[in-house]
Amino acid sequence: MTLVITGSGLTIENVVEVARNGKKVALHPDALSRIKKCRSMLERKIDAHEIMYGVNTGIGEFSEVVLNDDQVKDFQKYLIYVCFLIIQILLESSSLPLV
């Protein structure tokens, strides 16, 4: 049976089923709609050069640094890479198989 992500009700047990047992995952259409709506809002704010922490600014001690359009694209890409790297390191240091 597939785990349907709705935006609420996700449990640690659900995550374990996916990570350790390979349970399939799907997004509920309502959740996907909310994701698209949020992305659209973020894109409008970025296009309007509205300053948003961690989106078009640095984070932590660099939160006062406003990024230009090219830097925003790179910064967001690097955030994804860092998250993936952290997950990979955690998985490699445990008995979990890499997903």
N, C-alpha and C. Protein backbone atom coordinates (compact mmCIF):
# COMPACT_ATOMS: atom_id res chain seq x y z
N MET A 1 0.84 -1.18 0.00
CA MET A 1 0.00 0.00 0.00
C MET A 1 0.89 1.25 0.00
N THR A 2 0.51 2.25 -0.74
CA THR A 2 1.28 3.49 -0.88
C THR A 2 0.95 4.46 0.24
N LEU A 3 1.98 5.12 0.76
CA LEU A 3 1.79 6.19 1.74
C LEU A 3 1.44 7.46 0.99
N VAL A 4 0.28 8.02 1.26
CA VAL A 4 -0.16 9.24 0.59
C VAL A 4 0.14 10.42 1.51
N ILE A 5 0.96 11.35 1.03
CA ILE A 5 1.33 12.54 1.78
C ILE A 5 0.25 13.59 1.58
N THR A 6 -0.38 14.00 2.68
CA THR A 6 -1.48 14.96 2.61
C THR A 6 -1.10 16.33 3.14
N GLY A 7 -0.02 16.39 3.92
CA GLY A 7 0.37 17.65 4.56
C GLY A 7 0.10 17.63 6.05
N SER A 8 -0.49 16.54 6.53
CA SER A 8 -0.70 16.39 7.97
C SER A 8 -0.76 14.89 8.28
N GLY A 9 -0.50 14.58 9.52
CA GLY A 9 -0.64 13.20 9.97
C GLY A 9 0.55 12.29 9.72
N LEU A 10 1.65 12.81 9.17
CA LEU A 10 2.83 11.99 8.93
C LEU A 10 3.46 11.62 10.27
N THR A 11 3.77 10.35 10.43
CA THR A 11 4.35 9.88 11.69
C THR A 11 5.78 9.37 11.47
N ILE A 12 6.50 9.22 12.55
CA ILE A 12 7.83 8.64 12.50
C ILE A 12 7.73 7.22 11.92
N GLU A 13 6.70 6.51 12.30
CA GLU A 13 6.52 5.15 11.78
C GLU A 13 6.36 5.15 10.26
N ASN A 14 5.65 6.16 9.73
CA ASN A 14 5.51 6.30 8.27
C ASN A 14 6.88 6.49 7.62
N VAL A 15 7.69 7.38 8.20
CA VAL A 15 9.01 7.66 7.65
C VAL A 15 9.88 6.41 7.68
N VAL A 16 9.82 5.65 8.78
CA VAL A 16 10.59 4.42 8.90
C VAL A 16 10.15 3.42 7.83
N GLU A 17 8.86 3.31 7.59
CA GLU A 17 8.35 2.40 6.56
C GLU A 17 8.92 2.74 5.19
N VAL A 18 9.02 4.02 4.89
CA VAL A 18 9.57 4.45 3.60
C VAL A 18 11.08 4.23 3.56
N ALA A 19 11.78 4.70 4.60
CA ALA A 19 13.25 4.66 4.61
C ALA A 19 13.80 3.25 4.73
N ARG A 20 13.21 2.44 5.57
CA ARG A 20 13.77 1.12 5.83
C ARG A 20 13.12 0.01 5.02
N ASN A 21 11.86 0.18 4.70
CA ASN A 21 11.13 -0.91 4.07
C ASN A 21 10.72 -0.62 2.63
N GLY A 22 11.11 0.55 2.14
CA GLY A 22 10.85 0.87 0.73
C GLY A 22 9.40 1.11 0.37
N LYS A 23 8.60 1.49 1.35
CA LYS A 23 7.20 1.78 1.06
C LYS A 23 7.10 2.89 0.03
N LYS A 24 6.21 2.75 -0.92
CA LYS A 24 6.01 3.76 -1.96
C LYS A 24 5.32 4.98 -1.39
N VAL A 25 5.61 6.15 -1.99
CA VAL A 25 5.05 7.43 -1.52
C VAL A 25 4.39 8.14 -2.69
N ALA A 26 3.28 8.79 -2.40
CA ALA A 26 2.60 9.62 -3.40
C ALA A 26 2.09 10.88 -2.72
N LEU A 27 2.01 11.96 -3.49
CA LEU A 27 1.43 13.20 -2.97
C LEU A 27 -0.06 13.22 -3.26
N HIS A 28 -0.83 13.58 -2.26
CA HIS A 28 -2.27 13.77 -2.45
C HIS A 28 -2.46 14.98 -3.37
N PRO A 29 -3.42 14.96 -4.27
CA PRO A 29 -3.63 16.10 -5.16
C PRO A 29 -3.80 17.43 -4.44
N ASP A 30 -4.45 17.43 -3.28
CA ASP A 30 -4.62 18.67 -2.52
C ASP A 30 -3.27 19.19 -2.01
N ALA A 31 -2.40 18.28 -1.59
CA ALA A 31 -1.06 18.68 -1.12
C ALA A 31 -0.26 19.25 -2.28
N LEU A 32 -0.33 18.61 -3.43
CA LEU A 32 0.38 19.10 -4.61
C LEU A 32 -0.13 20.48 -5.00
N SER A 33 -1.41 20.68 -4.91
CA SER A 33 -1.99 21.99 -5.22
C SER A 33 -1.46 23.06 -4.27
N ARG A 34 -1.37 22.73 -2.98
CA ARG A 34 -0.83 23.70 -2.01
C ARG A 34 0.64 23.99 -2.27
N ILE A 35 1.40 22.97 -2.66
CA ILE A 35 2.82 23.17 -2.98
C ILE A 35 2.95 24.12 -4.17
N LYS A 36 2.16 23.89 -5.20
CA LYS A 36 2.21 24.75 -6.39
C LYS A 36 1.80 26.18 -6.06
N LYS A 37 0.79 26.34 -5.21
CA LYS A 37 0.34 27.67 -4.80
C LYS A 37 1.45 28.40 -4.03
N CYS A 38 2.12 27.68 -3.14
CA CYS A 38 3.21 28.27 -2.36
C CYS A 38 4.38 28.64 -3.26
N ARG A 39 4.71 27.75 -4.20
CA ARG A 39 5.81 28.05 -5.12
C ARG A 39 5.49 29.29 -5.95
N SER A 40 4.26 29.40 -6.41
CA SER A 40 3.85 30.56 -7.19
C SER A 40 3.99 31.84 -6.38
N MET A 41 3.58 31.79 -5.11
CA MET A 41 3.70 32.96 -4.23
C MET A 41 5.17 33.34 -4.05
N LEU A 42 6.02 32.33 -3.82
CA LEU A 42 7.45 32.61 -3.66
C LEU A 42 8.05 33.22 -4.92
N GLU A 43 7.68 32.68 -6.07
CA GLU A 43 8.21 33.21 -7.33
C GLU A 43 7.78 34.66 -7.55
N ARG A 44 6.52 34.98 -7.20
CA ARG A 44 6.05 36.37 -7.32
C ARG A 44 6.85 37.29 -6.41
N LYS A 45 7.09 36.86 -5.18
CA LYS A 45 7.84 37.68 -4.23
C LYS A 45 9.30 37.84 -4.67
N ILE A 46 9.87 36.78 -5.21
CA ILE A 46 11.25 36.87 -5.72
C ILE A 46 11.30 37.83 -6.89
N ASP A 47 10.35 37.71 -7.83
CA ASP A 47 10.31 38.61 -8.98
C ASP A 47 10.14 40.07 -8.56
N ALA A 48 9.42 40.28 -7.44
CA ALA A 48 9.20 41.64 -6.94
C ALA A 48 10.37 42.11 -6.06
N HIS A 49 11.39 41.27 -5.93
CA HIS A 49 12.57 41.56 -5.10
C HIS A 49 12.20 41.82 -3.64
N GLU A 50 11.17 41.14 -3.18
CA GLU A 50 10.80 41.21 -1.76
C GLU A 50 11.81 40.37 -0.98
N ILE A 51 12.34 40.91 0.09
CA ILE A 51 13.38 40.22 0.85
C ILE A 51 12.74 39.19 1.78
N MET A 52 13.21 37.95 1.64
CA MET A 52 12.70 36.83 2.45
C MET A 52 13.88 36.04 2.99
N TYR A 53 13.95 35.93 4.30
CA TYR A 53 15.04 35.24 4.96
C TYR A 53 15.20 33.83 4.40
N GLY A 54 16.42 33.49 4.02
CA GLY A 54 16.73 32.15 3.57
C GLY A 54 16.28 31.83 2.15
N VAL A 55 15.56 32.75 1.53
CA VAL A 55 15.14 32.56 0.15
C VAL A 55 16.03 33.41 -0.75
N ASN A 56 16.06 34.71 -0.47
CA ASN A 56 16.93 35.59 -1.25
C ASN A 56 17.88 36.38 -0.34
N THR A 57 18.08 35.84 0.85
CA THR A 57 19.13 36.35 1.75
C THR A 57 19.95 35.15 2.18
N GLY A 58 21.10 35.44 2.76
CA GLY A 58 21.86 34.38 3.38
C GLY A 58 21.12 33.92 4.63
N ILE A 59 21.71 32.99 5.34
CA ILE A 59 21.11 32.52 6.59
C ILE A 59 22.13 32.69 7.71
N GLY A 60 21.62 32.68 8.94
CA GLY A 60 22.51 32.85 10.09
C GLY A 60 23.18 34.20 10.06
N GLU A 61 24.49 34.20 10.22
CA GLU A 61 25.21 35.47 10.27
C GLU A 61 25.18 36.22 8.94
N PHE A 62 24.76 35.56 7.87
CA PHE A 62 24.68 36.20 6.56
C PHE A 62 23.25 36.62 6.20
N SER A 63 22.38 36.66 7.20
CA SER A 63 20.97 36.98 6.94
C SER A 63 20.75 38.40 6.43
N GLU A 64 21.72 39.26 6.65
CA GLU A 64 21.59 40.64 6.17
C GLU A 64 22.10 40.80 4.73
N VAL A 65 22.65 39.72 4.18
CA VAL A 65 23.17 39.75 2.82
C VAL A 65 22.05 39.42 1.85
N VAL A 66 21.68 40.37 1.01
CA VAL A 66 20.64 40.16 0.00
C VAL A 66 21.31 39.65 -1.27
N LEU A 67 20.78 38.55 -1.79
CA LEU A 67 21.37 37.89 -2.96
C LEU A 67 20.76 38.43 -4.25
N ASN A 68 21.57 38.47 -5.31
CA ASN A 68 21.02 38.85 -6.61
C ASN A 68 20.35 37.61 -7.23
N ASP A 69 19.71 37.79 -8.39
CA ASP A 69 18.93 36.72 -8.99
C ASP A 69 19.76 35.46 -9.25
N ASP A 70 20.96 35.61 -9.77
CA ASP A 70 21.81 34.44 -10.02
C ASP A 70 22.22 33.76 -8.72
N GLN A 71 22.52 34.57 -7.71
CA GLN A 71 22.91 34.01 -6.42
C GLN A 71 21.75 33.25 -5.77
N VAL A 72 20.51 33.74 -5.94
CA VAL A 72 19.34 33.06 -5.38
C VAL A 72 19.24 31.65 -5.95
N LYS A 73 19.37 31.53 -7.26
CA LYS A 73 19.30 30.21 -7.90
C LYS A 73 20.38 29.29 -7.36
N ASP A 74 21.60 29.77 -7.29
CA ASP A 74 22.70 28.95 -6.79
C ASP A 74 22.50 28.60 -5.32
N PHE A 75 22.10 29.58 -4.52
CA PHE A 75 21.92 29.37 -3.08
C PHE A 75 20.88 28.29 -2.81
N GLN A 76 19.74 28.36 -3.50
CA GLN A 76 18.69 27.38 -3.30
C GLN A 76 19.15 25.99 -3.73
N LYS A 77 19.91 25.91 -4.82
CA LYS A 77 20.44 24.64 -5.28
C LYS A 77 21.41 24.07 -4.24
N TYR A 78 22.27 24.93 -3.70
CA TYR A 78 23.24 24.47 -2.70
C TYR A 78 22.57 24.04 -1.40
N LEU A 79 21.48 24.68 -1.03
CA LEU A 79 20.73 24.25 0.15
C LEU A 79 20.23 22.82 -0.01
N ILE A 80 19.74 22.51 -1.20
CA ILE A 80 19.28 21.14 -1.47
C ILE A 80 20.45 20.17 -1.39
N TYR A 81 21.60 20.55 -1.97
CA TYR A 81 22.78 19.69 -1.92
C TYR A 81 23.20 19.43 -0.48
N VAL A 82 23.22 20.47 0.33
CA VAL A 82 23.64 20.32 1.72
C VAL A 82 22.68 19.40 2.48
N CYS A 83 21.39 19.58 2.28
CA CYS A 83 20.41 18.71 2.94
C CYS A 83 20.61 17.27 2.53
N PHE A 84 20.81 17.04 1.23
CA PHE A 84 21.05 15.69 0.76
C PHE A 84 22.32 15.10 1.38
N LEU A 85 23.37 15.89 1.44
CA LEU A 85 24.64 15.43 2.00
C LEU A 85 24.47 15.05 3.47
N ILE A 86 23.77 15.87 4.22
CA ILE A 86 23.55 15.57 5.64
C ILE A 86 22.77 14.27 5.79
N ILE A 87 21.74 14.09 4.99
CA ILE A 87 20.96 12.85 5.04
C ILE A 87 21.84 11.66 4.69
N GLN A 88 22.65 11.81 3.65
CA GLN A 88 23.54 10.72 3.24
C GLN A 88 24.52 10.36 4.34
N ILE A 89 25.10 11.35 4.98
CA ILE A 89 26.04 11.10 6.08
C ILE A 89 25.34 10.38 7.22
N LEU A 90 24.14 10.82 7.57
CA LEU A 90 23.40 10.17 8.65
C LEU A 90 23.06 8.74 8.30
N LEU A 91 22.66 8.50 7.07
CA LEU A 91 22.33 7.14 6.66
C LEU A 91 23.57 6.25 6.63
N GLU A 92 24.68 6.77 6.16
CA GLU A 92 25.91 5.98 6.10
C GLU A 92 26.44 5.66 7.49
N SER A 93 26.14 6.51 8.46
CA SER A 93 26.64 6.26 9.82
C SER A 93 25.69 5.38 10.62
N SER A 94 24.58 4.98 10.00
CA SER A 94 23.64 4.09 10.69
C SER A 94 23.58 2.77 9.94
N SER A 95 22.73 1.92 10.38
CA SER A 95 22.57 0.62 9.72
C SER A 95 21.51 0.70 8.63
N LEU A 96 21.00 1.90 8.35
CA LEU A 96 19.97 2.04 7.33
C LEU A 96 20.58 1.93 5.93
N PRO A 97 19.87 1.32 5.00
CA PRO A 97 20.35 1.32 3.62
C PRO A 97 20.18 2.69 3.02
N LEU A 98 21.07 3.09 2.09
CA LEU A 98 20.90 4.36 1.39
C LEU A 98 19.67 4.26 0.50
N VAL A 99 18.89 5.30 0.52
CA VAL A 99 17.65 5.30 -0.29
C VAL A 99 17.92 6.00 -1.58
